[in-house]
Every structure is written in structure tokens, then in C-alpha cells.
Amino acid sequence: MPALDILCLGEPLAELNETEVGRFTLGCGGDVSNVAIAAARLGARSGVLGAIGDDAFGEALTALWDAEGVDRTHMSRDRDAPTGLYFVTHGPDGHRFSYRRAGSAASLVGPDRIPAEAIAATRVLHASGISQAISTTAADGVFAALAKARDAGVLVSYDTNLRLKLWPLARARATIREALTLTDVALPGLDDAALLFGVEDPDAICDAILALGPKVVALTLGAHGCLVATPERRERIAAHPVRAVDATGAGDAFDGAFLTSYLNGRDPFAAARRANVSAALSTRGYGAIPPLPRRAELDAEITRETALGLTAD
């Protein structure tokens, strides 16, 4: 049996969140790290792959992964490059994010630092558009990892996670579309996919992605739930009703829950119903990580929903 269920490749980040004017609280983020934690809280054996700096921010991330039961065997410490960092400030228009990630340890992880044995020892390799957007070196590293996963018969999961502050749309389109040709499970968001494929209709987006080769597409639609498509079937799944206070990390909660459920033998439609609930629960608190649900909480919420006749697991 593989050592891990899900291995997440990409950019861990330290977070400095302004809690009052001039005062910041240290936290942790990064989309693939969030996915690894979301999956671990739901019972998956998850791990992270990449690099962090040999600094205080790297120590904070290491402590978080240890506390959450996320394997960090393949997360290296770089003495010559820092951990990526972002600041969160708050104003009348909501959150504002400012990033300091140029030259980060994660951005230097190229093909020569992708261990084939680590990829062969997991059931799913997960990466994202952000994993590739932070540098051309990192983009090449992700492509090398996807190819090694294919060679080892390991499933590939990919979240498009488009961030146009990191790279121009034309480059993002070319890179992400190429990555999707090496992907088994595609996890795009509607806004990202509309820009990447030049169409806004969810069914047309799923058609375009399936044509590139993925066998499963779970297209998140925000407050409207998600659309799950395979070559044989597709289904719209309604969002789970919740009083949301902060949607930060909801997509990562969806990804972690979807992959965990999918690996546990559920079909992609059942996995998406479970992932919708997980994403909704993650919006009831502030920040990307603290409100991520644990398995007992998610199971209890799905049981409650089923009893009310709102959904079926």
C-alpha cells in the first residue's frame, strides 16, 4: 500500500494577518498546504512536497504540519532562500492580500528536486495553477512531477487556481491547459475556468476540460454548488446552506474533502456532495485553516442534512 493517500506539491506560505492597526498575527497558508491539512482532518494520510526557508516562518509551518498530522518528509529546508510570505489587511472593501514570494524557497523547486520515489508512494499527486505560477522553475518542476506520477500509475489532481497577479493570462492558459492534459481529476473554479477557456457556460467549460484528457471534472460554482462531469455523466450539486462569514480557503476545503472521499470509494458525484458540505462548513469561521472541518463534524452535518431530506450522501 502506498505510504500516503494525497501528496500536495506547491507553495507553503506564512501569513501575517492585521488584527488591529499596526499589529499582525502569524498564521500559515498556501493553497496546497491547506488542501493537505483539510484532507488530514478528514482522515486521509496526506503530505506536502516542496521547500520552505530555514527561518521562523518555516518553523511555524513545520509545527503546523506536525500538529495536523501532515507528512513533511519531502518538504526541504532551504538555508539560502526564504519562506514565502503574505500580509492580510482589512478595510471597507474586505480583505487585501500583499505577497512577498519572489525568490522564495518554493519558487526554486525545479525538476531536479522532484523525488520520483515520493510520488510513486502516494495514491494521488495534487498540484495547482499557483504551484506553477510562482516561477518558471516551479512550473517545470510541477510538469516533471505530473510526468513522474503518470509513469508510476499515480492519479493526478489539479486545481486551476488562476492568479493573474502572478502571471499573464496567455502564459497561464498555455501552462494550465498543458497541465490538464496530464491530469485525472480536474478541480477548477468557474471564474478561473471562464478566463482560461473563454466561455462562461459551466457545461461548455466541462466539455473543454474533458477534451484535454481528465476523467473527472468538479467545477465549483461558488454559492451555486458545483457541476461534476465525467465522459459518461454529469450532475449539478446544490451548495450546502450555511451562514458564511469568510470564504477564505473554501476551495481548498472542497479539494481536500473531494479527494479524500473519492479515494474512499465514493463515486465523484457522492464525493462532490461531501466536498460541498466541507467547503460550506469552512466558511463559518475566519481564515483558511482554523475552520476546516474534522471528520466527525462533517459526518454529523451530512447526517443532519440527510435527516432533513436536503441531500443524500
C-alpha atoms as a PDB file:
ATOM      1  CA  MET A   1       0.000   0.000   0.000  1.00  0.00           C
ATOM      2  CA  PRO A   2       1.305   3.489  -0.795  1.00  0.00           C
ATOM      3  CA  ALA A   3       2.605   5.427   2.212  1.00  0.00           C
ATOM      4  CA  LEU A   4       0.291   8.387   1.528  1.00  0.00           C
ATOM      5  CA  ASP A   5      -3.156   8.959   0.097  1.00  0.00           C
ATOM      6  CA  ILE A   6      -2.523  12.513  -1.125  1.00  0.00           C
ATOM      7  CA  LEU A   7       0.790  14.294  -1.728  1.00  0.00           C
ATOM      8  CA  CYS A   8       0.447  18.050  -2.324  1.00  0.00           C
ATOM      9  CA  LEU A   9       3.105  19.853  -4.357  1.00  0.00           C
ATOM     10  CA  GLY A  10       3.388  23.628  -4.240  1.00  0.00           C
ATOM     11  CA  GLU A  11       3.993  26.735  -2.218  1.00  0.00           C
ATOM     12  CA  PRO A  12       3.525  26.869   1.554  1.00  0.00           C
ATOM     13  CA  LEU A  13       3.225  30.424   2.874  1.00  0.00           C
ATOM     14  CA  ALA A  14       3.446  32.217   6.187  1.00  0.00           C
ATOM     15  CA  GLU A  15       0.625  34.661   6.904  1.00  0.00           C
ATOM     16  CA  LEU A  16       0.731  37.948   8.813  1.00  0.00           C
ATOM     17  CA  ASN A  17      -2.872  38.995   9.448  1.00  0.00           C
ATOM     18  CA  GLU A  18      -3.538  42.517  10.721  1.00  0.00           C
ATOM     19  CA  THR A  19      -5.724  42.094  13.790  1.00  0.00           C
ATOM     20  CA  GLU A  20      -5.569  45.776  14.676  1.00  0.00           C
ATOM     21  CA  VAL A  21      -3.778  48.741  13.146  1.00  0.00           C
ATOM     22  CA  GLY A  22      -0.055  48.010  13.135  1.00  0.00           C
ATOM     23  CA  ARG A  23      -0.387  44.614  14.824  1.00  0.00           C
ATOM     24  CA  PHE A  24      -0.167  41.355  12.928  1.00  0.00           C
ATOM     25  CA  THR A  25      -0.818  37.752  13.965  1.00  0.00           C
ATOM     26  CA  LEU A  26       1.311  34.968  12.494  1.00  0.00           C
ATOM     27  CA  GLY A  27      -0.517  32.201  10.670  1.00  0.00           C
ATOM     28  CA  CYS A  28       0.054  29.821   7.784  1.00  0.00           C
ATOM     29  CA  GLY A  29      -1.409  29.374   4.321  1.00  0.00           C
ATOM     30  CA  GLY A  30      -0.707  28.312   0.771  1.00  0.00           C
ATOM     31  CA  ASP A  31      -3.354  26.502  -1.251  1.00  0.00           C
ATOM     32  CA  VAL A  32      -1.798  23.035  -1.472  1.00  0.00           C
ATOM     33  CA  SER A  33      -0.761  23.085   2.191  1.00  0.00           C
ATOM     34  CA  ASN A  34      -4.361  23.958   3.048  1.00  0.00           C
ATOM     35  CA  VAL A  35      -5.564  21.013   0.947  1.00  0.00           C
ATOM     36  CA  ALA A  36      -3.190  18.655   2.764  1.00  0.00           C
ATOM     37  CA  ILE A  37      -4.491  19.845   6.135  1.00  0.00           C
ATOM     38  CA  ALA A  38      -8.129  19.675   5.020  1.00  0.00           C
ATOM     39  CA  ALA A  39      -7.609  16.077   3.892  1.00  0.00           C
ATOM     40  CA  ALA A  40      -5.735  15.109   7.063  1.00  0.00           C
ATOM     41  CA  ARG A  41      -8.567  16.423   9.231  1.00  0.00           C
ATOM     42  CA  LEU A  42     -10.914  14.122   7.319  1.00  0.00           C
ATOM     43  CA  GLY A  43      -8.761  11.058   7.893  1.00  0.00           C
ATOM     44  CA  ALA A  44      -6.523  10.972   4.830  1.00  0.00           C
ATOM     45  CA  ARG A  45      -2.831  10.256   5.011  1.00  0.00           C
ATOM     46  CA  SER A  46      -1.654  13.466   3.414  1.00  0.00           C
ATOM     47  CA  GLY A  47       1.755  15.030   2.848  1.00  0.00           C
ATOM     48  CA  VAL A  48       3.452  18.079   1.388  1.00  0.00           C
ATOM     49  CA  LEU A  49       6.241  18.253  -1.189  1.00  0.00           C
ATOM     50  CA  GLY A  50       8.393  21.293  -1.898  1.00  0.00           C
ATOM     51  CA  ALA A  51      10.594  23.700   0.034  1.00  0.00           C
ATOM     52  CA  ILE A  52      10.434  26.286   2.797  1.00  0.00           C
ATOM     53  CA  GLY A  53      13.089  28.590   4.179  1.00  0.00           C
ATOM     54  CA  ASP A  54      15.246  27.754   7.164  1.00  0.00           C
ATOM     55  CA  ASP A  55      13.638  30.613   9.064  1.00  0.00           C
ATOM     56  CA  ALA A  56      10.999  31.370  11.697  1.00  0.00           C
ATOM     57  CA  PHE A  57       8.208  31.189   9.136  1.00  0.00           C
ATOM     58  CA  GLY A  58       9.375  27.761   8.023  1.00  0.00           C
ATOM     59  CA  GLU A  59       9.384  26.688  11.673  1.00  0.00           C
ATOM     60  CA  ALA A  60       5.772  27.826  12.023  1.00  0.00           C
ATOM     61  CA  LEU A  61       4.715  25.775   9.000  1.00  0.00           C
ATOM     62  CA  THR A  62       6.618  22.742  10.249  1.00  0.00           C
ATOM     63  CA  ALA A  63       4.917  22.980  13.628  1.00  0.00           C
ATOM     64  CA  LEU A  64       1.516  23.276  11.950  1.00  0.00           C
ATOM     65  CA  TRP A  65       2.016  20.189   9.773  1.00  0.00           C
ATOM     66  CA  ASP A  66       3.203  18.195  12.772  1.00  0.00           C
ATOM     67  CA  ALA A  67       0.172  19.275  14.795  1.00  0.00           C
ATOM     68  CA  GLU A  68      -2.191  18.368  11.954  1.00  0.00           C
ATOM     69  CA  GLY A  69      -0.613  15.018  11.156  1.00  0.00           C
ATOM     70  CA  VAL A  70       0.601  16.064   7.695  1.00  0.00           C
ATOM     71  CA  ASP A  71       3.703  14.228   6.475  1.00  0.00           C
ATOM     72  CA  ARG A  72       6.581  16.639   5.706  1.00  0.00           C
ATOM     73  CA  THR A  73       9.245  14.077   4.837  1.00  0.00           C
ATOM     74  CA  HIS A  74       9.640  15.606   1.388  1.00  0.00           C
ATOM     75  CA  MET A  75       9.461  19.277   2.407  1.00  0.00           C
ATOM     76  CA  SER A  76      13.050  20.522   2.355  1.00  0.00           C
ATOM     77  CA  ARG A  77      14.516  23.459   4.319  1.00  0.00           C
ATOM     78  CA  ASP A  78      16.473  25.970   2.232  1.00  0.00           C
ATOM     79  CA  ARG A  79      19.163  27.993   4.034  1.00  0.00           C
ATOM     80  CA  ASP A  80      19.645  30.365   1.097  1.00  0.00           C
ATOM     81  CA  ALA A  81      16.023  31.257   0.261  1.00  0.00           C
ATOM     82  CA  PRO A  82      13.146  32.430   2.471  1.00  0.00           C
ATOM     83  CA  THR A  83       9.699  31.054   3.115  1.00  0.00           C
ATOM     84  CA  GLY A  84       7.070  32.877   1.059  1.00  0.00           C
ATOM     85  CA  LEU A  85       5.005  35.380   2.989  1.00  0.00           C
ATOM     86  CA  TYR A  86       1.751  37.290   2.632  1.00  0.00           C
ATOM     87  CA  PHE A  87       0.117  40.076   4.606  1.00  0.00           C
ATOM     88  CA  VAL A  88      -3.632  40.393   5.141  1.00  0.00           C
ATOM     89  CA  THR A  89      -5.065  43.821   5.871  1.00  0.00           C
ATOM     90  CA  HIS A  90      -8.712  44.739   6.265  1.00  0.00           C
ATOM     91  CA  GLY A  91     -10.745  47.679   5.062  1.00  0.00           C
ATOM     92  CA  PRO A  92     -14.227  48.713   3.948  1.00  0.00           C
ATOM     93  CA  ASP A  93     -13.846  46.670   0.761  1.00  0.00           C
ATOM     94  CA  GLY A  94     -12.828  43.492   2.606  1.00  0.00           C
ATOM     95  CA  HIS A  95      -9.517  41.618   2.712  1.00  0.00           C
ATOM     96  CA  ARG A  96      -6.427  42.848   0.936  1.00  0.00           C
ATOM     97  CA  PHE A  97      -3.560  40.461   0.302  1.00  0.00           C
ATOM     98  CA  SER A  98       0.047  41.564  -0.248  1.00  0.00           C
ATOM     99  CA  TYR A  99       2.601  38.896  -1.151  1.00  0.00           C
ATOM    100  CA  ARG A 100       6.368  38.625  -0.693  1.00  0.00           C
ATOM    101  CA  ARG A 101       7.243  35.465  -2.562  1.00  0.00           C
ATOM    102  CA  ALA A 102       9.824  36.377  -5.245  1.00  0.00           C
ATOM    103  CA  GLY A 103      12.852  34.152  -4.840  1.00  0.00           C
ATOM    104  CA  SER A 104      11.163  32.044  -2.174  1.00  0.00           C
ATOM    105  CA  ALA A 105      12.348  28.525  -1.424  1.00  0.00           C
ATOM    106  CA  ALA A 106       9.237  27.094  -3.082  1.00  0.00           C
ATOM    107  CA  SER A 107       9.885  29.018  -6.293  1.00  0.00           C
ATOM    108  CA  LEU A 108      13.263  27.277  -6.669  1.00  0.00           C
ATOM    109  CA  VAL A 109      11.881  23.716  -6.689  1.00  0.00           C
ATOM    110  CA  GLY A 110      12.586  22.556 -10.226  1.00  0.00           C
ATOM    111  CA  PRO A 111      12.588  19.147 -11.932  1.00  0.00           C
ATOM    112  CA  ASP A 112      15.855  18.115 -10.267  1.00  0.00           C
ATOM    113  CA  ARG A 113      14.215  18.388  -6.838  1.00  0.00           C
ATOM    114  CA  ILE A 114      11.191  16.197  -7.562  1.00  0.00           C
ATOM    115  CA  PRO A 115      11.758  12.749  -5.991  1.00  0.00           C
ATOM    116  CA  ALA A 116      10.210  10.016  -8.104  1.00  0.00           C
ATOM    117  CA  GLU A 117      10.081   7.666  -5.122  1.00  0.00           C
ATOM    118  CA  ALA A 118       7.915  10.095  -3.142  1.00  0.00           C
ATOM    119  CA  ILE A 119       5.419  10.377  -5.973  1.00  0.00           C
ATOM    120  CA  ALA A 120       5.332   6.624  -6.502  1.00  0.00           C
ATOM    121  CA  ALA A 121       4.476   6.219  -2.790  1.00  0.00           C
ATOM    122  CA  THR A 122       1.193   8.140  -2.908  1.00  0.00           C
ATOM    123  CA  ARG A 123      -2.231   7.432  -4.368  1.00  0.00           C
ATOM    124  CA  VAL A 124      -2.822  10.988  -5.634  1.00  0.00           C
ATOM    125  CA  LEU A 125      -0.447  13.803  -6.527  1.00  0.00           C
ATOM    126  CA  HIS A 126      -2.139  17.204  -6.151  1.00  0.00           C
ATOM    127  CA  ALA A 127      -0.888  20.496  -7.603  1.00  0.00           C
ATOM    128  CA  SER A 128      -2.373  23.780  -8.735  1.00  0.00           C
ATOM    129  CA  GLY A 129      -2.006  26.735 -11.043  1.00  0.00           C
ATOM    130  CA  ILE A 130      -0.367  28.639  -8.200  1.00  0.00           C
ATOM    131  CA  SER A 131       2.193  25.847  -7.877  1.00  0.00           C
ATOM    132  CA  GLN A 132       3.255  26.707 -11.430  1.00  0.00           C
ATOM    133  CA  ALA A 133       2.705  30.466 -11.445  1.00  0.00           C
ATOM    134  CA  ILE A 134       5.334  31.421  -8.877  1.00  0.00           C
ATOM    135  CA  SER A 135       8.298  30.876 -11.255  1.00  0.00           C
ATOM    136  CA  THR A 136       9.251  29.159 -14.493  1.00  0.00           C
ATOM    137  CA  THR A 137      11.433  26.826 -12.413  1.00  0.00           C
ATOM    138  CA  ALA A 138       8.442  25.814 -10.293  1.00  0.00           C
ATOM    139  CA  ALA A 139       6.278  25.386 -13.399  1.00  0.00           C
ATOM    140  CA  ASP A 140       8.836  22.985 -14.852  1.00  0.00           C
ATOM    141  CA  GLY A 141       9.039  21.190 -11.506  1.00  0.00           C
ATOM    142  CA  VAL A 142       5.294  20.590 -11.498  1.00  0.00           C
ATOM    143  CA  PHE A 143       5.381  19.262 -15.055  1.00  0.00           C
ATOM    144  CA  ALA A 144       8.161  16.862 -14.048  1.00  0.00           C
ATOM    145  CA  ALA A 145       6.087  15.696 -11.085  1.00  0.00           C
ATOM    146  CA  LEU A 146       2.991  15.147 -13.208  1.00  0.00           C
ATOM    147  CA  ALA A 147       5.001  13.111 -15.698  1.00  0.00           C
ATOM    148  CA  LYS A 148       6.508  11.002 -12.906  1.00  0.00           C
ATOM    149  CA  ALA A 149       3.037  10.399 -11.481  1.00  0.00           C
ATOM    150  CA  ARG A 150       1.831   9.212 -14.863  1.00  0.00           C
ATOM    151  CA  ASP A 151       4.827   6.894 -15.202  1.00  0.00           C
ATOM    152  CA  ALA A 152       4.124   5.439 -11.731  1.00  0.00           C
ATOM    153  CA  GLY A 153       0.390   4.969 -12.329  1.00  0.00           C
ATOM    154  CA  VAL A 154      -0.449   7.587  -9.679  1.00  0.00           C
ATOM    155  CA  LEU A 155      -3.603   9.677 -10.035  1.00  0.00           C
ATOM    156  CA  VAL A 156      -3.057  13.379 -10.716  1.00  0.00           C
ATOM    157  CA  SER A 157      -5.319  16.060  -9.242  1.00  0.00           C
ATOM    158  CA  TYR A 158      -5.036  19.684 -10.398  1.00  0.00           C
ATOM    159  CA  ASP A 159      -6.801  22.850  -9.241  1.00  0.00           C
ATOM    160  CA  THR A 160      -6.538  25.629 -11.839  1.00  0.00           C
ATOM    161  CA  ASN A 161      -6.400  28.325  -9.110  1.00  0.00           C
ATOM    162  CA  LEU A 162      -5.689  31.179 -11.518  1.00  0.00           C
ATOM    163  CA  ARG A 163      -3.918  34.205 -10.039  1.00  0.00           C
ATOM    164  CA  LEU A 164      -3.366  36.868 -12.682  1.00  0.00           C
ATOM    165  CA  LYS A 165      -1.180  38.930 -10.342  1.00  0.00           C
ATOM    166  CA  LEU A 166       1.392  36.162 -10.710  1.00  0.00           C
ATOM    167  CA  TRP A 167       1.481  35.730 -14.483  1.00  0.00           C
ATOM    168  CA  PRO A 168      -0.165  36.955 -17.710  1.00  0.00           C
ATOM    169  CA  LEU A 169      -3.303  35.205 -18.903  1.00  0.00           C
ATOM    170  CA  ALA A 170      -1.732  33.937 -22.134  1.00  0.00           C
ATOM    171  CA  ARG A 171       1.046  32.139 -20.237  1.00  0.00           C
ATOM    172  CA  ALA A 172      -1.381  30.848 -17.639  1.00  0.00           C
ATOM    173  CA  ARG A 173      -3.670  29.471 -20.338  1.00  0.00           C
ATOM    174  CA  ALA A 174      -0.850  27.625 -22.096  1.00  0.00           C
ATOM    175  CA  THR A 175       0.625  26.201 -18.892  1.00  0.00           C
ATOM    176  CA  ILE A 176      -2.604  25.195 -17.168  1.00  0.00           C
ATOM    177  CA  ARG A 177      -4.105  23.641 -20.290  1.00  0.00           C
ATOM    178  CA  GLU A 178      -0.933  21.591 -20.766  1.00  0.00           C
ATOM    179  CA  ALA A 179      -1.052  20.505 -17.123  1.00  0.00           C
ATOM    180  CA  LEU A 180      -4.656  19.395 -17.573  1.00  0.00           C
ATOM    181  CA  THR A 181      -3.557  17.004 -20.345  1.00  0.00           C
ATOM    182  CA  LEU A 182      -1.636  15.158 -17.607  1.00  0.00           C
ATOM    183  CA  THR A 183      -4.490  15.310 -15.086  1.00  0.00           C
ATOM    184  CA  ASP A 184      -7.011  12.683 -13.990  1.00  0.00           C
ATOM    185  CA  VAL A 185      -9.139  14.808 -11.622  1.00  0.00           C
ATOM    186  CA  ALA A 186      -9.590  18.475 -12.537  1.00  0.00           C
ATOM    187  CA  LEU A 187     -10.784  20.854  -9.811  1.00  0.00           C
ATOM    188  CA  PRO A 188     -11.393  24.252 -11.445  1.00  0.00           C
ATOM    189  CA  GLY A 189     -13.389  27.217 -10.212  1.00  0.00           C
ATOM    190  CA  LEU A 190     -15.932  28.852 -12.511  1.00  0.00           C
ATOM    191  CA  ASP A 191     -14.332  32.306 -12.645  1.00  0.00           C
ATOM    192  CA  ASP A 192     -10.878  30.871 -13.328  1.00  0.00           C
ATOM    193  CA  ALA A 193     -12.101  28.461 -15.971  1.00  0.00           C
ATOM    194  CA  ALA A 194     -14.134  31.118 -17.801  1.00  0.00           C
ATOM    195  CA  LEU A 195     -10.942  33.125 -18.305  1.00  0.00           C
ATOM    196  CA  LEU A 196      -8.836  30.105 -19.176  1.00  0.00           C
ATOM    197  CA  PHE A 197     -11.237  28.725 -21.783  1.00  0.00           C
ATOM    198  CA  GLY A 198     -13.024  31.848 -22.991  1.00  0.00           C
ATOM    199  CA  VAL A 199     -16.513  30.513 -22.229  1.00  0.00           C
ATOM    200  CA  GLU A 200     -18.814  31.130 -19.282  1.00  0.00           C
ATOM    201  CA  ASP A 201     -21.289  28.240 -19.569  1.00  0.00           C
ATOM    202  CA  PRO A 202     -20.376  25.576 -16.974  1.00  0.00           C
ATOM    203  CA  ASP A 203     -21.232  22.693 -19.308  1.00  0.00           C
ATOM    204  CA  ALA A 204     -19.072  24.155 -22.075  1.00  0.00           C
ATOM    205  CA  ILE A 205     -16.195  24.535 -19.603  1.00  0.00           C
ATOM    206  CA  CYS A 206     -16.520  20.899 -18.549  1.00  0.00           C
ATOM    207  CA  ASP A 207     -16.595  19.829 -22.194  1.00  0.00           C
ATOM    208  CA  ALA A 208     -13.391  21.766 -22.867  1.00  0.00           C
ATOM    209  CA  ILE A 209     -11.585  20.253 -19.894  1.00  0.00           C
ATOM    210  CA  LEU A 210     -12.736  16.700 -20.568  1.00  0.00           C
ATOM    211  CA  ALA A 211     -11.466  17.086 -24.138  1.00  0.00           C
ATOM    212  CA  LEU A 212      -7.960  17.617 -22.746  1.00  0.00           C
ATOM    213  CA  GLY A 213      -7.974  14.231 -21.024  1.00  0.00           C
ATOM    214  CA  PRO A 214      -9.170  14.362 -17.387  1.00  0.00           C
ATOM    215  CA  LYS A 215     -11.650  11.643 -16.459  1.00  0.00           C
ATOM    216  CA  VAL A 216     -13.372  13.730 -13.759  1.00  0.00           C
ATOM    217  CA  VAL A 217     -14.125  17.450 -13.581  1.00  0.00           C
ATOM    218  CA  ALA A 218     -15.542  19.002 -10.415  1.00  0.00           C
ATOM    219  CA  LEU A 219     -16.268  22.618 -11.349  1.00  0.00           C
ATOM    220  CA  THR A 220     -17.050  24.731  -8.290  1.00  0.00           C
ATOM    221  CA  LEU A 221     -19.758  27.367  -8.767  1.00  0.00           C
ATOM    222  CA  GLY A 222     -19.492  29.320  -5.513  1.00  0.00           C
ATOM    223  CA  ALA A 223     -22.873  29.829  -3.892  1.00  0.00           C
ATOM    224  CA  HIS A 224     -24.433  27.667  -6.623  1.00  0.00           C
ATOM    225  CA  GLY A 225     -22.620  24.487  -5.617  1.00  0.00           C
ATOM    226  CA  CYS A 226     -20.710  22.576  -8.263  1.00  0.00           C
ATOM    227  CA  LEU A 227     -21.030  20.734 -11.557  1.00  0.00           C
ATOM    228  CA  VAL A 228     -19.402  17.305 -11.740  1.00  0.00           C
ATOM    229  CA  ALA A 229     -18.733  15.805 -15.146  1.00  0.00           C
ATOM    230  CA  THR A 230     -17.268  12.589 -16.499  1.00  0.00           C
ATOM    231  CA  PRO A 231     -17.300  11.420 -20.124  1.00  0.00           C
ATOM    232  CA  GLU A 232     -20.432   9.396 -19.321  1.00  0.00           C
ATOM    233  CA  ARG A 233     -22.400  11.577 -16.911  1.00  0.00           C
ATOM    234  CA  ARG A 234     -22.725  14.998 -15.323  1.00  0.00           C
ATOM    235  CA  GLU A 235     -24.674  16.388 -12.407  1.00  0.00           C
ATOM    236  CA  ARG A 236     -25.200  19.772 -10.766  1.00  0.00           C
ATOM    237  CA  ILE A 237     -24.974  19.561  -6.993  1.00  0.00           C
ATOM    238  CA  ALA A 238     -26.503  22.307  -4.900  1.00  0.00           C
ATOM    239  CA  ALA A 239     -24.474  24.218  -2.331  1.00  0.00           C
ATOM    240  CA  HIS A 240     -24.881  23.377   1.320  1.00  0.00           C
ATOM    241  CA  PRO A 241     -26.793  26.162   3.107  1.00  0.00           C
ATOM    242  CA  VAL A 242     -24.736  27.931   5.757  1.00  0.00           C
ATOM    243  CA  ARG A 243     -24.300  31.398   7.211  1.00  0.00           C
ATOM    244  CA  ALA A 244     -20.875  32.247   5.826  1.00  0.00           C
ATOM    245  CA  VAL A 245     -18.557  34.794   7.408  1.00  0.00           C
ATOM    246  CA  ASP A 246     -15.312  34.221   5.449  1.00  0.00           C
ATOM    247  CA  ALA A 247     -14.812  32.194   2.269  1.00  0.00           C
ATOM    248  CA  THR A 248     -11.003  32.148   2.541  1.00  0.00           C
ATOM    249  CA  GLY A 249      -9.821  28.611   1.816  1.00  0.00           C
ATOM    250  CA  ALA A 250     -13.246  27.232   0.881  1.00  0.00           C
ATOM    251  CA  GLY A 251     -11.885  25.927  -2.409  1.00  0.00           C
ATOM    252  CA  ASP A 252      -9.068  24.168  -0.591  1.00  0.00           C
ATOM    253  CA  ALA A 253     -11.585  22.608   1.810  1.00  0.00           C
ATOM    254  CA  PHE A 254     -13.546  21.385  -1.214  1.00  0.00           C
ATOM    255  CA  ASP A 255     -10.433  19.864  -2.812  1.00  0.00           C
ATOM    256  CA  GLY A 256      -9.317  18.082   0.356  1.00  0.00           C
ATOM    257  CA  ALA A 257     -12.746  16.628   1.010  1.00  0.00           C
ATOM    258  CA  PHE A 258     -13.352  15.665  -2.612  1.00  0.00           C
ATOM    259  CA  LEU A 259     -10.069  13.787  -2.940  1.00  0.00           C
ATOM    260  CA  THR A 260     -10.443  12.077   0.431  1.00  0.00           C
ATOM    261  CA  SER A 261     -13.964  10.914  -0.385  1.00  0.00           C
ATOM    262  CA  TYR A 262     -13.060   9.910  -3.930  1.00  0.00           C
ATOM    263  CA  LEU A 263     -10.218   7.733  -2.652  1.00  0.00           C
ATOM    264  CA  ASN A 264     -12.531   6.149  -0.079  1.00  0.00           C
ATOM    265  CA  GLY A 265     -14.506   4.542  -2.867  1.00  0.00           C
ATOM    266  CA  ARG A 266     -17.241   7.090  -3.411  1.00  0.00           C
ATOM    267  CA  ASP A 267     -18.093   7.992  -6.964  1.00  0.00           C
ATOM    268  CA  PRO A 268     -17.203  11.578  -7.946  1.00  0.00           C
ATOM    269  CA  PHE A 269     -20.792  12.769  -7.531  1.00  0.00           C
ATOM    270  CA  ALA A 270     -21.029  11.498  -3.962  1.00  0.00           C
ATOM    271  CA  ALA A 271     -17.547  12.880  -3.289  1.00  0.00           C
ATOM    272  CA  ALA A 272     -18.656  16.292  -4.536  1.00  0.00           C
ATOM    273  CA  ARG A 273     -21.729  16.299  -2.294  1.00  0.00           C
ATOM    274  CA  ARG A 274     -19.476  15.677   0.673  1.00  0.00           C
ATOM    275  CA  ALA A 275     -16.978  18.291  -0.537  1.00  0.00           C
ATOM    276  CA  ASN A 276     -19.740  20.888  -0.874  1.00  0.00           C
ATOM    277  CA  VAL A 277     -20.612  20.437   2.792  1.00  0.00           C
ATOM    278  CA  SER A 278     -16.966  20.633   3.839  1.00  0.00           C
ATOM    279  CA  ALA A 279     -16.456  23.847   1.872  1.00  0.00           C
ATOM    280  CA  ALA A 280     -19.583  25.371   3.400  1.00  0.00           C
ATOM    281  CA  LEU A 281     -18.510  24.496   6.945  1.00  0.00           C
ATOM    282  CA  SER A 282     -15.119  26.092   6.304  1.00  0.00           C
ATOM    283  CA  THR A 283     -16.766  29.486   5.712  1.00  0.00           C
ATOM    284  CA  ARG A 284     -18.270  29.684   9.215  1.00  0.00           C
ATOM    285  CA  GLY A 285     -15.031  30.966  10.758  1.00  0.00           C
ATOM    286  CA  TYR A 286     -12.193  33.278   9.796  1.00  0.00           C
ATOM    287  CA  GLY A 287      -9.030  32.268   7.999  1.00  0.00           C
ATOM    288  CA  ALA A 288      -8.135  29.365   5.759  1.00  0.00           C
ATOM    289  CA  ILE A 289      -7.192  26.736   8.335  1.00  0.00           C
ATOM    290  CA  PRO A 290      -8.964  27.143  11.727  1.00  0.00           C
ATOM    291  CA  PRO A 291     -12.498  26.480  10.395  1.00  0.00           C
ATOM    292  CA  LEU A 292     -11.572  23.459   8.249  1.00  0.00           C
ATOM    293  CA  PRO A 293     -13.923  20.713   9.482  1.00  0.00           C
ATOM    294  CA  ARG A 294     -12.821  17.453  11.021  1.00  0.00           C
ATOM    295  CA  ARG A 295     -14.336  14.144  10.005  1.00  0.00           C
ATOM    296  CA  ALA A 296     -16.758  13.866  12.935  1.00  0.00           C
ATOM    297  CA  GLU A 297     -18.094  17.353  12.311  1.00  0.00           C
ATOM    298  CA  LEU A 298     -18.525  16.717   8.593  1.00  0.00           C
ATOM    299  CA  ASP A 299     -20.222  13.366   9.188  1.00  0.00           C
ATOM    300  CA  ALA A 300     -22.590  14.927  11.720  1.00  0.00           C
ATOM    301  CA  GLU A 301     -23.543  17.722   9.336  1.00  0.00           C
ATOM    302  CA  ILE A 302     -24.198  15.297   6.477  1.00  0.00           C
ATOM    303  CA  THR A 303     -26.293  13.106   8.791  1.00  0.00           C
ATOM    304  CA  ARG A 304     -28.309  16.167   9.785  1.00  0.00           C
ATOM    305  CA  GLU A 305     -28.792  17.169   6.153  1.00  0.00           C
ATOM    306  CA  THR A 306     -29.868  13.680   5.176  1.00  0.00           C
ATOM    307  CA  ALA A 307     -32.379  13.526   8.056  1.00  0.00           C
ATOM    308  CA  LEU A 308     -33.870  16.800   6.846  1.00  0.00           C
ATOM    309  CA  GLY A 309     -34.101  15.447   3.309  1.00  0.00           C
ATOM    310  CA  LEU A 310     -31.799  18.159   1.949  1.00  0.00           C
ATOM    311  CA  THR A 311     -29.223  15.863   0.422  1.00  0.00           C
ATOM    312  CA  ALA A 312     -28.018  12.284   0.190  1.00  0.00           C
ATOM    313  CA  ASP A 313     -24.536  11.027   0.905  1.00  0.00           C
END
